[in-house]
Amino acid sequence: EQGMIARVDLTYDPDSRSITRGRMSCTP
């Protein structure tokens, strides 16, 4: 009966073409 809304918030830098920061979380 249980699930999650998985979430990743990130910052993408187009100059270095890289993810510089990220946060993973979920809403049950």
PDB file of all heavy atoms in Angstrom:
ATOM      1  N   GLU A   1       0.820  -1.205   0.000  1.00  0.00           N
ATOM      2  CA  GLU A   1       0.000   0.000   0.000  1.00  0.00           C
ATOM      3  C   GLU A   1       0.860   1.263   0.000  1.00  0.00           C
ATOM      4  O   GLU A   1       0.354   2.361  -0.195  1.00  0.00           O
ATOM      5  CB  GLU A   1      -0.906   0.010   1.240  1.00  0.00           C
ATOM      6  CG  GLU A   1      -1.800  -1.220   1.354  1.00  0.00           C
ATOM      7  CD  GLU A   1      -2.519  -1.277   2.694  1.00  0.00           C
ATOM      8  OE1 GLU A   1      -2.474  -0.274   3.442  1.00  0.00           O
ATOM      9  OE2 GLU A   1      -3.127  -2.318   3.008  1.00  0.00           O
ATOM     10  N   GLN A   2       2.146   1.107   0.252  1.00  0.00           N
ATOM     11  CA  GLN A   2       3.038   2.248   0.432  1.00  0.00           C
ATOM     12  C   GLN A   2       3.894   2.477  -0.807  1.00  0.00           C
ATOM     13  O   GLN A   2       4.254   1.543  -1.511  1.00  0.00           O
ATOM     14  CB  GLN A   2       3.950   2.007   1.641  1.00  0.00           C
ATOM     15  CG  GLN A   2       3.190   1.728   2.923  1.00  0.00           C
ATOM     16  CD  GLN A   2       4.098   1.234   4.033  1.00  0.00           C
ATOM     17  OE1 GLN A   2       5.315   1.351   3.951  1.00  0.00           O
ATOM     18  NE2 GLN A   2       3.505   0.684   5.067  1.00  0.00           N
ATOM     19  N   GLY A   3       4.208   3.710  -1.041  1.00  0.00           N
ATOM     20  CA  GLY A   3       5.084   4.063  -2.149  1.00  0.00           C
ATOM     21  C   GLY A   3       5.810   5.348  -1.829  1.00  0.00           C
ATOM     22  O   GLY A   3       5.794   5.831  -0.701  1.00  0.00           O
ATOM     23  N   MET A   4       6.439   5.906  -2.831  1.00  0.00           N
ATOM     24  CA  MET A   4       7.115   7.185  -2.643  1.00  0.00           C
ATOM     25  C   MET A   4       7.098   7.984  -3.942  1.00  0.00           C
ATOM     26  O   MET A   4       7.028   7.426  -5.035  1.00  0.00           O
ATOM     27  CB  MET A   4       8.571   6.985  -2.200  1.00  0.00           C
ATOM     28  CG  MET A   4       9.487   6.444  -3.290  1.00  0.00           C
ATOM     29  SD  MET A   4      11.256   6.669  -2.954  1.00  0.00           S
ATOM     30  CE  MET A   4      11.533   5.461  -1.675  1.00  0.00           C
ATOM     31  N   ILE A   5       7.130   9.289  -3.768  1.00  0.00           N
ATOM     32  CA  ILE A   5       7.448  10.184  -4.876  1.00  0.00           C
ATOM     33  C   ILE A   5       8.919  10.524  -4.687  1.00  0.00           C
ATOM     34  O   ILE A   5       9.280  11.329  -3.829  1.00  0.00           O
ATOM     35  CB  ILE A   5       6.579  11.452  -4.853  1.00  0.00           C
ATOM     36  CG1 ILE A   5       5.088  11.082  -4.930  1.00  0.00           C
ATOM     37  CG2 ILE A   5       6.946  12.376  -6.008  1.00  0.00           C
ATOM     38  CD1 ILE A   5       4.157  12.262  -4.711  1.00  0.00           C
ATOM     39  N   ALA A   6       9.777   9.850  -5.435  1.00  0.00           N
ATOM     40  CA  ALA A   6      11.220  10.077  -5.328  1.00  0.00           C
ATOM     41  C   ALA A   6      11.559  11.403  -5.988  1.00  0.00           C
ATOM     42  O   ALA A   6      11.002  11.748  -7.034  1.00  0.00           O
ATOM     43  CB  ALA A   6      11.983   8.938  -5.981  1.00  0.00           C
ATOM     44  N   ARG A   7      12.480  12.132  -5.387  1.00  0.00           N
ATOM     45  CA  ARG A   7      12.793  13.467  -5.901  1.00  0.00           C
ATOM     46  C   ARG A   7      14.301  13.733  -5.852  1.00  0.00           C
ATOM     47  O   ARG A   7      14.969  13.380  -4.873  1.00  0.00           O
ATOM     48  CB  ARG A   7      12.062  14.529  -5.087  1.00  0.00           C
ATOM     49  CG  ARG A   7      12.267  15.958  -5.611  1.00  0.00           C
ATOM     50  CD  ARG A   7      11.456  16.956  -4.813  1.00  0.00           C
ATOM     51  NE  ARG A   7      11.720  18.329  -5.258  1.00  0.00           N
ATOM     52  CZ  ARG A   7      10.843  19.123  -5.841  1.00  0.00           C
ATOM     53  NH1 ARG A   7       9.607  18.701  -6.051  1.00  0.00           N
ATOM     54  NH2 ARG A   7      11.167  20.355  -6.210  1.00  0.00           N
ATOM     55  N   VAL A   8      14.794  14.324  -6.908  1.00  0.00           N
ATOM     56  CA  VAL A   8      16.175  14.798  -6.957  1.00  0.00           C
ATOM     57  C   VAL A   8      16.149  16.262  -7.385  1.00  0.00           C
ATOM     58  O   VAL A   8      15.589  16.593  -8.436  1.00  0.00           O
ATOM     59  CB  VAL A   8      17.036  13.976  -7.937  1.00  0.00           C
ATOM     60  CG1 VAL A   8      18.424  14.606  -8.083  1.00  0.00           C
ATOM     61  CG2 VAL A   8      17.163  12.534  -7.464  1.00  0.00           C
ATOM     62  N   ASP A   9      16.712  17.130  -6.557  1.00  0.00           N
ATOM     63  CA  ASP A   9      16.892  18.539  -6.901  1.00  0.00           C
ATOM     64  C   ASP A   9      18.370  18.755  -7.168  1.00  0.00           C
ATOM     65  O   ASP A   9      19.218  18.386  -6.333  1.00  0.00           O
ATOM     66  CB  ASP A   9      16.434  19.434  -5.753  1.00  0.00           C
ATOM     67  CG  ASP A   9      14.933  19.345  -5.524  1.00  0.00           C
ATOM     68  OD1 ASP A   9      14.195  20.055  -6.218  1.00  0.00           O
ATOM     69  OD2 ASP A   9      14.512  18.560  -4.650  1.00  0.00           O
ATOM     70  N   LEU A  10      18.689  19.351  -8.289  1.00  0.00           N
ATOM     71  CA  LEU A  10      20.094  19.490  -8.655  1.00  0.00           C
ATOM     72  C   LEU A  10      20.366  20.836  -9.302  1.00  0.00           C
ATOM     73  O   LEU A  10      19.457  21.529  -9.767  1.00  0.00           O
ATOM     74  CB  LEU A  10      20.529  18.344  -9.580  1.00  0.00           C
ATOM     75  CG  LEU A  10      19.756  18.148 -10.892  1.00  0.00           C
ATOM     76  CD1 LEU A  10      20.292  19.030 -12.000  1.00  0.00           C
ATOM     77  CD2 LEU A  10      19.804  16.680 -11.315  1.00  0.00           C
ATOM     78  N   THR A  11      21.627  21.195  -9.310  1.00  0.00           N
ATOM     79  CA  THR A  11      22.116  22.372 -10.007  1.00  0.00           C
ATOM     80  C   THR A  11      23.029  21.913 -11.123  1.00  0.00           C
ATOM     81  O   THR A  11      23.998  21.180 -10.870  1.00  0.00           O
ATOM     82  CB  THR A  11      22.889  23.299  -9.059  1.00  0.00           C
ATOM     83  OG1 THR A  11      22.050  23.681  -7.967  1.00  0.00           O
ATOM     84  CG2 THR A  11      23.352  24.555  -9.802  1.00  0.00           C
ATOM     85  N   TYR A  12      22.707  22.313 -12.337  1.00  0.00           N
ATOM     86  CA  TYR A  12      23.527  21.944 -13.488  1.00  0.00           C
ATOM     87  C   TYR A  12      24.248  23.175 -14.010  1.00  0.00           C
ATOM     88  O   TYR A  12      23.624  24.207 -14.287  1.00  0.00           O
ATOM     89  CB  TYR A  12      22.684  21.327 -14.604  1.00  0.00           C
ATOM     90  CG  TYR A  12      23.507  20.925 -15.803  1.00  0.00           C
ATOM     91  CD1 TYR A  12      24.235  19.740 -15.786  1.00  0.00           C
ATOM     92  CD2 TYR A  12      23.585  21.743 -16.929  1.00  0.00           C
ATOM     93  CE1 TYR A  12      25.012  19.369 -16.880  1.00  0.00           C
ATOM     94  CE2 TYR A  12      24.358  21.376 -18.016  1.00  0.00           C
ATOM     95  CZ  TYR A  12      25.071  20.196 -17.980  1.00  0.00           C
ATOM     96  OH  TYR A  12      25.852  19.840 -19.051  1.00  0.00           O
ATOM     97  N   ASP A  13      25.569  23.069 -14.130  1.00  0.00           N
ATOM     98  CA  ASP A  13      26.390  24.164 -14.630  1.00  0.00           C
ATOM     99  C   ASP A  13      26.694  23.916 -16.106  1.00  0.00           C
ATOM    100  O   ASP A  13      27.464  23.010 -16.438  1.00  0.00           O
ATOM    101  CB  ASP A  13      27.693  24.246 -13.827  1.00  0.00           C
ATOM    102  CG  ASP A  13      28.600  25.375 -14.315  1.00  0.00           C
ATOM    103  OD1 ASP A  13      28.130  26.234 -15.085  1.00  0.00           O
ATOM    104  OD2 ASP A  13      29.785  25.390 -13.931  1.00  0.00           O
ATOM    105  N   PRO A  14      26.112  24.697 -17.004  1.00  0.00           N
ATOM    106  CA  PRO A  14      26.332  24.450 -18.437  1.00  0.00           C
ATOM    107  C   PRO A  14      27.759  24.725 -18.884  1.00  0.00           C
ATOM    108  O   PRO A  14      28.194  24.184 -19.909  1.00  0.00           O
ATOM    109  CB  PRO A  14      25.335  25.398 -19.126  1.00  0.00           C
ATOM    110  CG  PRO A  14      25.047  26.453 -18.108  1.00  0.00           C
ATOM    111  CD  PRO A  14      25.171  25.808 -16.776  1.00  0.00           C
ATOM    112  N   ASP A  15      28.490  25.569 -18.157  1.00  0.00           N
ATOM    113  CA  ASP A  15      29.864  25.867 -18.554  1.00  0.00           C
ATOM    114  C   ASP A  15      30.790  24.679 -18.319  1.00  0.00           C
ATOM    115  O   ASP A  15      31.595  24.321 -19.176  1.00  0.00           O
ATOM    116  CB  ASP A  15      30.383  27.100 -17.803  1.00  0.00           C
ATOM    117  CG  ASP A  15      29.655  28.370 -18.224  1.00  0.00           C
ATOM    118  OD1 ASP A  15      29.348  28.493 -19.431  1.00  0.00           O
ATOM    119  OD2 ASP A  15      29.372  29.210 -17.364  1.00  0.00           O
ATOM    120  N   SER A  16      30.689  24.062 -17.147  1.00  0.00           N
ATOM    121  CA  SER A  16      31.509  22.878 -16.866  1.00  0.00           C
ATOM    122  C   SER A  16      30.812  21.595 -17.287  1.00  0.00           C
ATOM    123  O   SER A  16      31.389  20.510 -17.175  1.00  0.00           O
ATOM    124  CB  SER A  16      31.843  22.807 -15.371  1.00  0.00           C
ATOM    125  OG  SER A  16      30.659  22.654 -14.599  1.00  0.00           O
ATOM    126  N   ARG A  17      29.543  21.737 -17.758  1.00  0.00           N
ATOM    127  CA  ARG A  17      28.741  20.579 -18.174  1.00  0.00           C
ATOM    128  C   ARG A  17      28.710  19.530 -17.074  1.00  0.00           C
ATOM    129  O   ARG A  17      28.982  18.349 -17.291  1.00  0.00           O
ATOM    130  CB  ARG A  17      29.276  19.979 -19.485  1.00  0.00           C
ATOM    131  CG  ARG A  17      29.141  20.900 -20.680  1.00  0.00           C
ATOM    132  CD  ARG A  17      29.682  20.280 -21.959  1.00  0.00           C
ATOM    133  NE  ARG A  17      28.942  19.070 -22.309  1.00  0.00           N
ATOM    134  CZ  ARG A  17      27.801  19.069 -23.008  1.00  0.00           C
ATOM    135  NH1 ARG A  17      27.273  20.210 -23.407  1.00  0.00           N
ATOM    136  NH2 ARG A  17      27.202  17.941 -23.308  1.00  0.00           N
ATOM    137  N   SER A  18      28.372  19.974 -15.887  1.00  0.00           N
ATOM    138  CA  SER A  18      28.369  19.051 -14.755  1.00  0.00           C
ATOM    139  C   SER A  18      27.286  19.431 -13.754  1.00  0.00           C
ATOM    140  O   SER A  18      26.843  20.589 -13.689  1.00  0.00           O
ATOM    141  CB  SER A  18      29.732  19.051 -14.062  1.00  0.00           C
ATOM    142  OG  SER A  18      29.978  20.321 -13.480  1.00  0.00           O
ATOM    143  N   ILE A  19      26.876  18.440 -12.999  1.00  0.00           N
ATOM    144  CA  ILE A  19      25.987  18.659 -11.858  1.00  0.00           C
ATOM    145  C   ILE A  19      26.870  19.076 -10.692  1.00  0.00           C
ATOM    146  O   ILE A  19      27.816  18.368 -10.341  1.00  0.00           O
ATOM    147  CB  ILE A  19      25.203  17.382 -11.513  1.00  0.00           C
ATOM    148  CG1 ILE A  19      24.316  16.973 -12.692  1.00  0.00           C
ATOM    149  CG2 ILE A  19      24.347  17.582 -10.274  1.00  0.00           C
ATOM    150  CD1 ILE A  19      23.703  15.593 -12.546  1.00  0.00           C
ATOM    151  N   THR A  20      26.580  20.239 -10.125  1.00  0.00           N
ATOM    152  CA  THR A  20      27.449  20.742  -9.057  1.00  0.00           C
ATOM    153  C   THR A  20      26.878  20.522  -7.672  1.00  0.00           C
ATOM    154  O   THR A  20      27.628  20.456  -6.699  1.00  0.00           O
ATOM    155  CB  THR A  20      27.723  22.238  -9.254  1.00  0.00           C
ATOM    156  OG1 THR A  20      26.475  22.944  -9.307  1.00  0.00           O
ATOM    157  CG2 THR A  20      28.491  22.473 -10.553  1.00  0.00           C
ATOM    158  N   ARG A  21      25.556  20.469  -7.571  1.00  0.00           N
ATOM    159  CA  ARG A  21      24.935  20.166  -6.279  1.00  0.00           C
ATOM    160  C   ARG A  21      23.691  19.330  -6.514  1.00  0.00           C
ATOM    161  O   ARG A  21      23.040  19.436  -7.550  1.00  0.00           O
ATOM    162  CB  ARG A  21      24.554  21.445  -5.522  1.00  0.00           C
ATOM    163  CG  ARG A  21      25.735  22.186  -4.906  1.00  0.00           C
ATOM    164  CD  ARG A  21      25.279  23.415  -4.151  1.00  0.00           C
ATOM    165  NE  ARG A  21      24.523  23.104  -2.954  1.00  0.00           N
ATOM    166  CZ  ARG A  21      25.066  22.817  -1.779  1.00  0.00           C
ATOM    167  NH1 ARG A  21      26.368  22.763  -1.648  1.00  0.00           N
ATOM    168  NH2 ARG A  21      24.318  22.574  -0.727  1.00  0.00           N
ATOM    169  N   GLY A  22      23.350  18.506  -5.536  1.00  0.00           N
ATOM    170  CA  GLY A  22      22.144  17.693  -5.663  1.00  0.00           C
ATOM    171  C   GLY A  22      21.617  17.283  -4.309  1.00  0.00           C
ATOM    172  O   GLY A  22      22.368  17.122  -3.357  1.00  0.00           O
ATOM    173  N   ARG A  23      20.307  17.140  -4.246  1.00  0.00           N
ATOM    174  CA  ARG A  23      19.655  16.671  -3.023  1.00  0.00           C
ATOM    175  C   ARG A  23      18.671  15.580  -3.402  1.00  0.00           C
ATOM    176  O   ARG A  23      17.886  15.744  -4.331  1.00  0.00           O
ATOM    177  CB  ARG A  23      18.924  17.815  -2.326  1.00  0.00           C
ATOM    178  CG  ARG A  23      18.234  17.398  -1.013  1.00  0.00           C
ATOM    179  CD  ARG A  23      17.329  18.499  -0.484  1.00  0.00           C
ATOM    180  NE  ARG A  23      18.067  19.711  -0.185  1.00  0.00           N
ATOM    181  CZ  ARG A  23      18.616  19.983   0.999  1.00  0.00           C
ATOM    182  NH1 ARG A  23      18.516  19.118   1.976  1.00  0.00           N
ATOM    183  NH2 ARG A  23      19.267  21.110   1.180  1.00  0.00           N
ATOM    184  N   MET A  24      18.704  14.448  -2.706  1.00  0.00           N
ATOM    185  CA  MET A  24      17.743  13.383  -2.947  1.00  0.00           C
ATOM    186  C   MET A  24      16.798  13.290  -1.751  1.00  0.00           C
ATOM    187  O   MET A  24      17.203  13.427  -0.600  1.00  0.00           O
ATOM    188  CB  MET A  24      18.444  12.040  -3.204  1.00  0.00           C
ATOM    189  CG  MET A  24      19.261  11.503  -2.064  1.00  0.00           C
ATOM    190  SD  MET A  24      20.330  10.099  -2.525  1.00  0.00           S
ATOM    191  CE  MET A  24      19.151   8.946  -3.202  1.00  0.00           C
ATOM    192  N   SER A  25      15.519  13.092  -2.054  1.00  0.00           N
ATOM    193  CA  SER A  25      14.508  13.037  -1.004  1.00  0.00           C
ATOM    194  C   SER A  25      13.313  12.255  -1.519  1.00  0.00           C
ATOM    195  O   SER A  25      13.285  11.831  -2.671  1.00  0.00           O
ATOM    196  CB  SER A  25      14.079  14.450  -0.598  1.00  0.00           C
ATOM    197  OG  SER A  25      13.502  15.127  -1.698  1.00  0.00           O
ATOM    198  N   CYS A  26      12.329  12.064  -0.669  1.00  0.00           N
ATOM    199  CA  CYS A  26      11.103  11.413  -1.128  1.00  0.00           C
ATOM    200  C   CYS A  26       9.928  11.890  -0.306  1.00  0.00           C
ATOM    201  O   CYS A  26      10.077  12.323   0.836  1.00  0.00           O
ATOM    202  CB  CYS A  26      11.218   9.886  -1.068  1.00  0.00           C
ATOM    203  SG  CYS A  26      11.045   9.200   0.591  1.00  0.00           S
ATOM    204  N   THR A  27       8.754  11.838  -0.920  1.00  0.00           N
ATOM    205  CA  THR A  27       7.494  12.066  -0.230  1.00  0.00           C
ATOM    206  C   THR A  27       6.779  10.725  -0.145  1.00  0.00           C
ATOM    207  O   THR A  27       6.475  10.119  -1.172  1.00  0.00           O
ATOM    208  CB  THR A  27       6.614  13.063  -1.009  1.00  0.00           C
ATOM    209  OG1 THR A  27       7.306  14.299  -1.138  1.00  0.00           O
ATOM    210  CG2 THR A  27       5.299  13.293  -0.286  1.00  0.00           C
ATOM    211  N   PRO A  28       6.540  10.204   1.059  1.00  0.00           N
ATOM    212  CA  PRO A  28       5.864   8.904   1.177  1.00  0.00           C
ATOM    213  C   PRO A  28       4.407   8.994   0.743  1.00  0.00           C
ATOM    214  O   PRO A  28       3.753  10.022   0.925  1.00  0.00           O
ATOM    215  CB  PRO A  28       5.994   8.570   2.673  1.00  0.00           C
ATOM    216  CG  PRO A  28       6.214   9.877   3.349  1.00  0.00           C
ATOM    217  CD  PRO A  28       6.901  10.771   2.365  1.00  0.00           C
TER     218      PRO A  28
END
